[in-house]
Amino acid sequence: MKRMVALMMVSLFSIAVLSGCNTVAGAGKDVQKAGEKVEGAAKR
């Protein structure tokens, strides 16, 4: 029983970490696109 609970906890932790990585990667792409737009406006 303890092993099952430990496995579930590790699984939930792994899911949380992986979903956090996707969120940070998505935010990085959004910031990069915003920076490109600012750069394009500065060139005009």
PDB file of N, CA and C in Angstrom:
ATOM      1  N   MET A   1       0.827  -1.197   0.000  1.00  0.00           N
ATOM      2  CA  MET A   1       0.000   0.000   0.000  1.00  0.00           C
ATOM      3  C   MET A   1       0.866   1.253   0.000  1.00  0.00           C
ATOM      4  N   LYS A   2       1.902   1.265   0.834  1.00  0.00           N
ATOM      5  CA  LYS A   2       2.783   2.434   0.884  1.00  0.00           C
ATOM      6  C   LYS A   2       3.497   2.637  -0.447  1.00  0.00           C
ATOM      7  N   ARG A   3       3.833   1.518  -1.093  1.00  0.00           N
ATOM      8  CA  ARG A   3       4.522   1.606  -2.381  1.00  0.00           C
ATOM      9  C   ARG A   3       3.609   2.246  -3.428  1.00  0.00           C
ATOM     10  N   MET A   4       2.342   1.885  -3.404  1.00  0.00           N
ATOM     11  CA  MET A   4       1.377   2.432  -4.352  1.00  0.00           C
ATOM     12  C   MET A   4       1.204   3.933  -4.139  1.00  0.00           C
ATOM     13  N   VAL A   5       1.116   4.359  -2.896  1.00  0.00           N
ATOM     14  CA  VAL A   5       0.975   5.776  -2.589  1.00  0.00           C
ATOM     15  C   VAL A   5       2.225   6.535  -3.034  1.00  0.00           C
ATOM     16  N   ALA A   6       3.396   5.969  -2.793  1.00  0.00           N
ATOM     17  CA  ALA A   6       4.648   6.615  -3.197  1.00  0.00           C
ATOM     18  C   ALA A   6       4.713   6.739  -4.717  1.00  0.00           C
ATOM     19  N   LEU A   7       4.302   5.707  -5.427  1.00  0.00           N
ATOM     20  CA  LEU A   7       4.296   5.740  -6.886  1.00  0.00           C
ATOM     21  C   LEU A   7       3.334   6.802  -7.414  1.00  0.00           C
ATOM     22  N   MET A   8       2.188   6.917  -6.787  1.00  0.00           N
ATOM     23  CA  MET A   8       1.217   7.938  -7.193  1.00  0.00           C
ATOM     24  C   MET A   8       1.768   9.338  -6.955  1.00  0.00           C
ATOM     25  N   MET A   9       2.435   9.538  -5.831  1.00  0.00           N
ATOM     26  CA  MET A   9       3.008  10.847  -5.522  1.00  0.00           C
ATOM     27  C   MET A   9       4.093  11.217  -6.530  1.00  0.00           C
ATOM     28  N   VAL A  10       4.952  10.270  -6.874  1.00  0.00           N
ATOM     29  CA  VAL A  10       6.006  10.518  -7.864  1.00  0.00           C
ATOM     30  C   VAL A  10       5.387  10.832  -9.225  1.00  0.00           C
ATOM     31  N   SER A  11       4.345  10.122  -9.585  1.00  0.00           N
ATOM     32  CA  SER A  11       3.672  10.362 -10.864  1.00  0.00           C
ATOM     33  C   SER A  11       3.065  11.768 -10.910  1.00  0.00           C
ATOM     34  N   LEU A  12       2.383  12.160  -9.858  1.00  0.00           N
ATOM     35  CA  LEU A  12       1.781  13.494  -9.820  1.00  0.00           C
ATOM     36  C   LEU A  12       2.837  14.588  -9.865  1.00  0.00           C
ATOM     37  N   PHE A  13       3.940  14.376  -9.153  1.00  0.00           N
ATOM     38  CA  PHE A  13       5.030  15.347  -9.166  1.00  0.00           C
ATOM     39  C   PHE A  13       5.621  15.475 -10.564  1.00  0.00           C
ATOM     40  N   SER A  14       5.805  14.347 -11.244  1.00  0.00           N
ATOM     41  CA  SER A  14       6.366  14.353 -12.603  1.00  0.00           C
ATOM     42  C   SER A  14       5.445  15.097 -13.566  1.00  0.00           C
ATOM     43  N   ILE A  15       4.160  14.855 -13.443  1.00  0.00           N
ATOM     44  CA  ILE A  15       3.195  15.537 -14.315  1.00  0.00           C
ATOM     45  C   ILE A  15       3.233  17.045 -14.077  1.00  0.00           C
ATOM     46  N   ALA A  16       3.314  17.440 -12.830  1.00  0.00           N
ATOM     47  CA  ALA A  16       3.357  18.869 -12.508  1.00  0.00           C
ATOM     48  C   ALA A  16       4.611  19.520 -13.065  1.00  0.00           C
ATOM     49  N   VAL A  17       5.742  18.843 -12.964  1.00  0.00           N
ATOM     50  CA  VAL A  17       7.002  19.400 -13.476  1.00  0.00           C
ATOM     51  C   VAL A  17       6.956  19.512 -14.989  1.00  0.00           C
ATOM     52  N   LEU A  18       6.475  18.480 -15.658  1.00  0.00           N
ATOM     53  CA  LEU A  18       6.432  18.512 -17.120  1.00  0.00           C
ATOM     54  C   LEU A  18       5.460  19.558 -17.642  1.00  0.00           C
ATOM     55  N   SER A  19       4.329  19.723 -16.999  1.00  0.00           N
ATOM     56  CA  SER A  19       3.386  20.742 -17.452  1.00  0.00           C
ATOM     57  C   SER A  19       3.937  22.141 -17.177  1.00  0.00           C
ATOM     58  N   GLY A  20       4.701  22.281 -16.117  1.00  0.00           N
ATOM     59  CA  GLY A  20       5.347  23.562 -15.839  1.00  0.00           C
ATOM     60  C   GLY A  20       6.350  23.923 -16.906  1.00  0.00           C
ATOM     61  N   CYS A  21       7.073  22.952 -17.414  1.00  0.00           N
ATOM     62  CA  CYS A  21       8.050  23.197 -18.475  1.00  0.00           C
ATOM     63  C   CYS A  21       7.351  23.699 -19.733  1.00  0.00           C
ATOM     64  N   ASN A  22       6.222  23.099 -20.073  1.00  0.00           N
ATOM     65  CA  ASN A  22       5.479  23.550 -21.242  1.00  0.00           C
ATOM     66  C   ASN A  22       4.995  24.981 -21.062  1.00  0.00           C
ATOM     67  N   THR A  23       4.571  25.314 -19.883  1.00  0.00           N
ATOM     68  CA  THR A  23       4.083  26.660 -19.619  1.00  0.00           C
ATOM     69  C   THR A  23       5.214  27.671 -19.761  1.00  0.00           C
ATOM     70  N   VAL A  24       6.374  27.375 -19.220  1.00  0.00           N
ATOM     71  CA  VAL A  24       7.511  28.285 -19.308  1.00  0.00           C
ATOM     72  C   VAL A  24       7.979  28.404 -20.752  1.00  0.00           C
ATOM     73  N   ALA A  25       8.007  27.302 -21.481  1.00  0.00           N
ATOM     74  CA  ALA A  25       8.417  27.347 -22.884  1.00  0.00           C
ATOM     75  C   ALA A  25       7.444  28.196 -23.698  1.00  0.00           C
ATOM     76  N   GLY A  26       6.155  28.051 -23.435  1.00  0.00           N
ATOM     77  CA  GLY A  26       5.153  28.849 -24.141  1.00  0.00           C
ATOM     78  C   GLY A  26       5.278  30.330 -23.826  1.00  0.00           C
ATOM     79  N   ALA A  27       5.558  30.639 -22.575  1.00  0.00           N
ATOM     80  CA  ALA A  27       5.741  32.045 -22.189  1.00  0.00           C
ATOM     81  C   ALA A  27       6.982  32.609 -22.871  1.00  0.00           C
ATOM     82  N   GLY A  28       8.024  31.820 -22.976  1.00  0.00           N
ATOM     83  CA  GLY A  28       9.248  32.272 -23.649  1.00  0.00           C
ATOM     84  C   GLY A  28       8.996  32.590 -25.114  1.00  0.00           C
ATOM     85  N   LYS A  29       8.205  31.768 -25.780  1.00  0.00           N
ATOM     86  CA  LYS A  29       7.872  32.022 -27.184  1.00  0.00           C
ATOM     87  C   LYS A  29       7.053  33.303 -27.322  1.00  0.00           C
ATOM     88  N   ASP A  30       6.123  33.529 -26.397  1.00  0.00           N
ATOM     89  CA  ASP A  30       5.308  34.741 -26.435  1.00  0.00           C
ATOM     90  C   ASP A  30       6.172  35.984 -26.255  1.00  0.00           C
ATOM     91  N   VAL A  31       7.110  35.926 -25.329  1.00  0.00           N
ATOM     92  CA  VAL A  31       8.001  37.059 -25.093  1.00  0.00           C
ATOM     93  C   VAL A  31       8.875  37.300 -26.312  1.00  0.00           C
ATOM     94  N   GLN A  32       9.334  36.219 -26.942  1.00  0.00           N
ATOM     95  CA  GLN A  32      10.177  36.358 -28.131  1.00  0.00           C
ATOM     96  C   GLN A  32       9.399  37.032 -29.262  1.00  0.00           C
ATOM     97  N   LYS A  33       8.158  36.639 -29.478  1.00  0.00           N
ATOM     98  CA  LYS A  33       7.339  37.251 -30.530  1.00  0.00           C
ATOM     99  C   LYS A  33       7.090  38.728 -30.244  1.00  0.00           C
ATOM    100  N   ALA A  34       6.845  39.057 -28.991  1.00  0.00           N
ATOM    101  CA  ALA A  34       6.637  40.459 -28.625  1.00  0.00           C
ATOM    102  C   ALA A  34       7.907  41.258 -28.878  1.00  0.00           C
ATOM    103  N   GLY A  35       9.051  40.680 -28.566  1.00  0.00           N
ATOM    104  CA  GLY A  35      10.330  41.356 -28.813  1.00  0.00           C
ATOM    105  C   GLY A  35      10.572  41.584 -30.290  1.00  0.00           C
ATOM    106  N   GLU A  36      10.194  40.616 -31.111  1.00  0.00           N
ATOM    107  CA  GLU A  36      10.350  40.774 -32.559  1.00  0.00           C
ATOM    108  C   GLU A  36       9.470  41.904 -33.083  1.00  0.00           C
ATOM    109  N   LYS A  37       8.268  42.041 -32.544  1.00  0.00           N
ATOM    110  CA  LYS A  37       7.381  43.119 -32.983  1.00  0.00           C
ATOM    111  C   LYS A  37       7.935  44.471 -32.573  1.00  0.00           C
ATOM    112  N   VAL A  38       8.473  44.565 -31.373  1.00  0.00           N
ATOM    113  CA  VAL A  38       9.076  45.827 -30.916  1.00  0.00           C
ATOM    114  C   VAL A  38      10.290  46.156 -31.784  1.00  0.00           C
ATOM    115  N   GLU A  39      11.072  45.158 -32.104  1.00  0.00           N
ATOM    116  CA  GLU A  39      12.256  45.376 -32.953  1.00  0.00           C
ATOM    117  C   GLU A  39      11.838  45.853 -34.347  1.00  0.00           C
ATOM    118  N   GLY A  40      10.781  45.230 -34.876  1.00  0.00           N
ATOM    119  CA  GLY A  40      10.284  45.652 -36.197  1.00  0.00           C
ATOM    120  C   GLY A  40       9.775  47.095 -36.182  1.00  0.00           C
ATOM    121  N   ALA A  41       9.107  47.472 -35.107  1.00  0.00           N
ATOM    122  CA  ALA A  41       8.608  48.839 -35.000  1.00  0.00           C
ATOM    123  C   ALA A  41       9.766  49.827 -34.852  1.00  0.00           C
ATOM    124  N   ALA A  42      10.828  49.427 -34.183  1.00  0.00           N
ATOM    125  CA  ALA A  42      11.966  50.321 -33.986  1.00  0.00           C
ATOM    126  C   ALA A  42      12.718  50.526 -35.307  1.00  0.00           C
ATOM    127  N   LYS A  43      12.716  49.533 -36.170  1.00  0.00           N
ATOM    128  CA  LYS A  43      13.417  49.649 -37.462  1.00  0.00           C
ATOM    129  C   LYS A  43      12.692  50.609 -38.408  1.00  0.00           C
ATOM    130  N   ARG A  44      11.367  50.740 -38.237  1.00  0.00           N
ATOM    131  CA  ARG A  44      10.606  51.647 -39.113  1.00  0.00           C
ATOM    132  C   ARG A  44      10.859  53.016 -38.687  1.00  0.00           C
TER     133      ARG A  44
END
